């Protein structure tokens, strides 16, 4: 599989992963702004979504409230993979081919964690789906925002809760967290684990330090490096 990096190994395809309530979307926006301010041409997107087809699939997958439905875990994985395929072909590959960087909130690791470790679909089946959906495209850097599921679930306001908050128990979300950590342990050169429990500004400081280190950029003058215990490589 191929990972995209720029000169001197600078990460060009960055994904942000993590359990519910870990702040992926917020941190993806901050990372986009930070890269743009540093002169990096960047595209920010999300999974599922990022394309008209992907957004329609997202609506089906995340329905909550009275419309909430039970979806077979493998059917879930197939729908996520369909949205992923469209995103890769319509957005991510063209951006990378054009010399841009890409920041994506969630990617294939989420399917392994949720439908694999969480719901029990065999990982080899999901990895086959990943290869088909991505054509071998893999992130050069994955930032995993880690926090206990009960903390993340408590952060989600009722208006933002989806099928995954309302339809799955705490044990499921604990398996998802364990799955993310297992994936990170298996690929330490790709993953950087950031403690997602502190305030959003502290989490962002840790993310910025990791990304800037990859880019060979020092911390801005007057801004301290984040505490070492908040970053795990």
Protein backbone atom coordinates (compact mmCIF):
# COMPACT_ATOMS: atom_id res chain seq x y z
CA UNK A 1 0.00 0.00 0.00
CA UNK A 2 1.15 3.53 -0.66
CA UNK A 3 1.41 6.42 1.77
CA UNK A 4 1.82 9.97 0.53
CA UNK A 5 4.65 12.11 1.81
CA UNK A 6 6.30 15.23 0.49
CA UNK A 7 9.97 16.26 0.51
CA UNK A 8 12.05 14.86 3.38
CA UNK A 9 9.16 12.69 4.54
CA UNK A 10 6.74 15.53 5.30
CA UNK A 11 3.26 14.12 5.80
CA UNK A 12 0.87 15.06 3.01
CA UNK A 13 -2.12 12.82 3.77
CA UNK A 14 -3.05 13.25 7.43
CA UNK A 15 -6.01 11.55 9.07
CA UNK A 16 -7.47 12.26 12.49
CA UNK A 17 -9.07 9.29 14.22
CA UNK A 18 -10.65 8.59 17.57
CA UNK A 19 -13.76 7.49 19.44
CA UNK A 20 -16.95 9.51 19.75
CA UNK A 21 -16.54 12.95 21.30
CA UNK A 22 -12.78 13.11 20.87
CA UNK A 23 -12.88 16.36 18.88
CA UNK A 24 -11.77 15.13 15.46
CA UNK A 25 -13.69 17.68 13.41
CA UNK A 26 -12.60 20.62 15.56
CA UNK A 27 -8.95 19.61 15.42
CA UNK A 28 -9.12 18.93 11.67
CA UNK A 29 -10.31 22.52 11.13
CA UNK A 30 -7.51 23.88 13.30
CA UNK A 31 -4.95 21.79 11.45
CA UNK A 32 -6.23 23.03 8.11
CA UNK A 33 -5.93 26.65 9.26
CA UNK A 34 -2.45 26.02 10.66
CA UNK A 35 -1.18 24.44 7.45
CA UNK A 36 -2.69 27.18 5.31
CA UNK A 37 -1.02 29.81 7.51
CA UNK A 38 2.27 27.99 6.92
CA UNK A 39 1.89 28.19 3.16
CA UNK A 40 0.67 24.61 2.65
CA UNK A 41 -2.05 24.13 0.03
CA UNK A 42 -4.45 21.82 1.85
CA UNK A 43 -7.84 20.18 1.37
CA UNK A 44 -9.89 19.23 4.45
CA UNK A 45 -12.56 16.54 4.21
CA UNK A 46 -14.33 13.95 6.33
CA UNK A 47 -15.66 10.42 6.44
CA UNK A 48 -18.26 9.40 5.70
CA UNK A 49 -18.94 12.33 3.42
CA UNK A 50 -16.85 14.80 1.50
CA UNK A 51 -18.68 14.18 -1.80
CA UNK A 52 -22.37 14.40 -2.74
CA UNK A 53 -22.63 10.59 -2.72
CA UNK A 54 -20.68 10.34 0.52
CA UNK A 55 -22.94 12.85 2.25
CA UNK A 56 -26.02 10.87 1.24
CA UNK A 57 -24.44 7.70 2.63
CA UNK A 58 -23.51 9.63 5.79
CA UNK A 59 -27.15 10.56 6.32
CA UNK A 60 -28.16 6.89 6.09
CA UNK A 61 -25.37 5.68 8.36
CA UNK A 62 -25.73 8.26 11.12
CA UNK A 63 -29.51 8.59 11.38
CA UNK A 64 -30.66 9.04 14.96
CA UNK A 65 -33.92 9.64 16.78
CA UNK A 66 -37.11 8.02 15.57
CA UNK A 67 -35.50 7.20 12.22
CA UNK A 68 -32.69 5.23 13.83
CA UNK A 69 -32.31 1.81 12.25
CA UNK A 70 -30.34 -1.35 12.91
CA UNK A 71 -27.78 -2.05 10.19
CA UNK A 72 -25.90 -5.32 9.88
CA UNK A 73 -22.21 -4.67 10.73
CA UNK A 74 -20.94 -5.93 7.38
CA UNK A 75 -23.55 -3.83 5.57
CA UNK A 76 -22.28 -0.90 7.65
CA UNK A 77 -18.73 -1.62 6.51
CA UNK A 78 -19.82 -1.86 2.87
CA UNK A 79 -21.60 1.50 3.04
CA UNK A 80 -18.63 3.19 4.70
CA UNK A 81 -16.37 1.64 2.06
CA UNK A 82 -18.57 2.89 -0.78
CA UNK A 83 -18.41 6.43 0.59
CA UNK A 84 -14.64 6.02 1.06
CA UNK A 85 -14.11 4.88 -2.52
CA UNK A 86 -15.93 7.92 -3.87
CA UNK A 87 -13.98 10.25 -1.57
CA UNK A 88 -10.64 8.77 -2.60
CA UNK A 89 -11.37 8.98 -6.32
CA UNK A 90 -13.19 12.32 -6.34
CA UNK A 91 -11.28 14.31 -3.71
CA UNK A 92 -8.20 12.76 -2.10
CA UNK A 93 -6.25 11.33 -5.03
CA UNK A 94 -6.81 14.39 -7.26
CA UNK A 95 -5.68 16.69 -4.45
CA UNK A 96 -2.52 14.69 -3.79
CA UNK A 97 -1.80 14.42 -7.50
CA UNK A 98 -2.09 18.20 -7.70
CA UNK A 99 0.53 18.67 -5.01
CA UNK A 100 -1.89 19.49 -2.20
CA UNK A 101 -1.98 18.07 1.29
CA UNK A 102 -5.14 16.42 2.63
CA UNK A 103 -6.54 16.43 6.16
CA UNK A 104 -9.34 13.91 6.68
CA UNK A 105 -11.44 13.41 9.81
CA UNK A 106 -11.72 9.60 9.93
CA UNK A 107 -10.59 7.13 7.27
CA UNK A 108 -10.22 3.36 6.94
CA UNK A 109 -8.98 2.85 10.51
CA UNK A 110 -12.43 3.80 11.77
CA UNK A 111 -14.02 0.89 9.91
CA UNK A 112 -11.49 -1.52 11.42
CA UNK A 113 -12.14 -0.12 14.90
CA UNK A 114 -15.93 0.16 14.76
CA UNK A 115 -17.12 -2.65 12.51
CA UNK A 116 -14.13 -4.89 13.28
CA UNK A 117 -13.08 -4.59 16.91
CA UNK A 118 -16.42 -3.13 17.97
CA UNK A 119 -18.99 -5.15 16.01
CA UNK A 120 -17.02 -8.31 15.25
CA UNK A 121 -16.61 -8.32 11.48
CA UNK A 122 -13.39 -10.26 10.75
CA UNK A 123 -10.47 -7.89 10.27
CA UNK A 124 -9.21 -9.73 7.19
CA UNK A 125 -12.57 -9.12 5.50
CA UNK A 126 -12.39 -5.43 6.38
CA UNK A 127 -8.80 -5.13 5.19
CA UNK A 128 -9.85 -6.62 1.85
CA UNK A 129 -12.61 -4.00 1.63
CA UNK A 130 -10.09 -1.30 2.50
CA UNK A 131 -7.79 -2.34 -0.32
CA UNK A 132 -10.66 -2.26 -2.81
CA UNK A 133 -12.04 1.06 -1.58
CA UNK A 134 -8.74 2.91 -1.34
CA UNK A 135 -6.76 1.26 -4.12
CA UNK A 136 -3.88 0.98 -1.69
CA UNK A 137 -3.92 4.62 -0.58
CA UNK A 138 -2.89 5.01 3.06
CA UNK A 139 -2.25 8.06 5.25
CA UNK A 140 1.32 9.15 5.88
CA UNK A 141 0.34 10.33 9.39
CA UNK A 142 -2.62 9.33 11.55
CA UNK A 143 -3.32 11.29 14.72
CA UNK A 144 -5.33 9.22 17.19
CA UNK A 145 -7.23 11.26 19.77
CA UNK A 146 -7.58 8.82 22.64
CA UNK A 147 -9.94 9.12 25.60
CA UNK A 148 -12.21 6.85 27.67
CA UNK A 149 -15.53 6.28 25.90
CA UNK A 150 -17.60 7.49 28.83
CA UNK A 151 -15.79 10.84 28.66
CA UNK A 152 -16.30 11.21 24.93
CA UNK A 153 -19.94 10.14 24.98
CA UNK A 154 -20.70 12.64 27.75
CA UNK A 155 -19.34 15.45 25.58
CA UNK A 156 -21.81 14.92 22.75
CA UNK A 157 -24.88 17.19 23.03
CA UNK A 158 -28.21 15.55 22.30
CA UNK A 159 -28.53 17.41 18.99
CA UNK A 160 -25.27 15.88 17.75
CA UNK A 161 -25.88 12.29 18.80
CA UNK A 162 -26.04 9.70 16.04
CA UNK A 163 -26.92 6.05 15.73
CA UNK A 164 -23.53 5.20 17.17
CA UNK A 165 -24.14 7.06 20.43
CA UNK A 166 -27.77 6.00 20.79
CA UNK A 167 -27.70 2.46 19.44
CA UNK A 168 -24.54 0.94 20.94
CA UNK A 169 -23.66 0.24 24.56
CA UNK A 170 -20.58 1.30 26.50
CA UNK A 171 -18.93 -2.10 26.01
CA UNK A 172 -19.05 -1.57 22.24
CA UNK A 173 -17.34 1.80 22.56
CA UNK A 174 -14.72 0.32 24.88
CA UNK A 175 -13.91 -2.27 22.21
CA UNK A 176 -13.66 0.50 19.63
CA UNK A 177 -11.17 2.39 21.77
CA UNK A 178 -9.14 -0.77 22.36
CA UNK A 179 -9.21 -1.39 18.61
CA UNK A 180 -7.82 2.03 17.79
CA UNK A 181 -5.02 1.53 20.32
CA UNK A 182 -4.23 -1.91 18.87
CA UNK A 183 -4.01 -0.43 15.37
CA UNK A 184 -1.70 2.31 16.63
CA UNK A 185 0.49 -0.20 18.42
CA UNK A 186 0.83 -2.22 15.21
CA UNK A 187 1.94 0.82 13.14
CA UNK A 188 3.85 3.17 15.45
CA UNK A 189 5.58 4.92 12.55
CA UNK A 190 2.23 6.07 11.12
CA UNK A 191 0.26 6.74 14.28
CA UNK A 192 0.75 9.48 16.86
CA UNK A 193 -1.47 9.09 19.94
CA UNK A 194 -2.67 12.28 21.59
CA UNK A 195 -4.51 12.40 24.91
CA UNK A 196 -7.98 13.66 24.01
CA UNK A 197 -9.08 14.38 27.59
CA UNK A 198 -7.58 17.87 28.15
CA UNK A 199 -9.09 21.11 26.90
CA UNK A 200 -9.27 21.54 23.12
CA UNK A 201 -6.45 24.10 23.13
CA UNK A 202 -4.11 21.68 24.89
CA UNK A 203 -5.02 18.89 22.49
CA UNK A 204 -4.35 21.22 19.60
CA UNK A 205 -0.93 22.16 21.01
CA UNK A 206 0.01 18.48 21.01
CA UNK A 207 -1.23 17.96 17.45
CA UNK A 208 0.57 21.06 16.20
CA UNK A 209 3.83 19.89 17.75
CA UNK A 210 3.57 16.51 16.04
CA UNK A 211 2.72 17.94 12.62
CA UNK A 212 5.34 20.69 12.82
CA UNK A 213 7.97 18.14 13.80
CA UNK A 214 7.13 16.17 10.66
CA UNK A 215 7.38 19.37 8.63
CA UNK A 216 10.65 20.39 10.27
CA UNK A 217 9.07 23.52 11.77
CA UNK A 218 9.82 24.65 15.32
CA UNK A 219 7.27 25.91 17.83
CA UNK A 220 6.30 29.59 17.37
CA UNK A 221 8.25 31.99 19.57
CA UNK A 222 6.75 32.31 23.02
CA UNK A 223 4.61 29.18 22.70
CA UNK A 224 5.75 26.30 24.91
CA UNK A 225 5.84 22.77 23.66
CA UNK A 226 2.96 20.66 25.04
CA UNK A 227 3.61 18.57 28.12
CA UNK A 228 5.39 15.34 27.24
CA UNK A 229 2.78 13.15 28.91
CA UNK A 230 0.16 14.43 26.51
CA UNK A 231 1.95 13.08 23.45
CA UNK A 232 2.60 9.39 22.95
CA UNK A 233 4.53 8.25 19.90
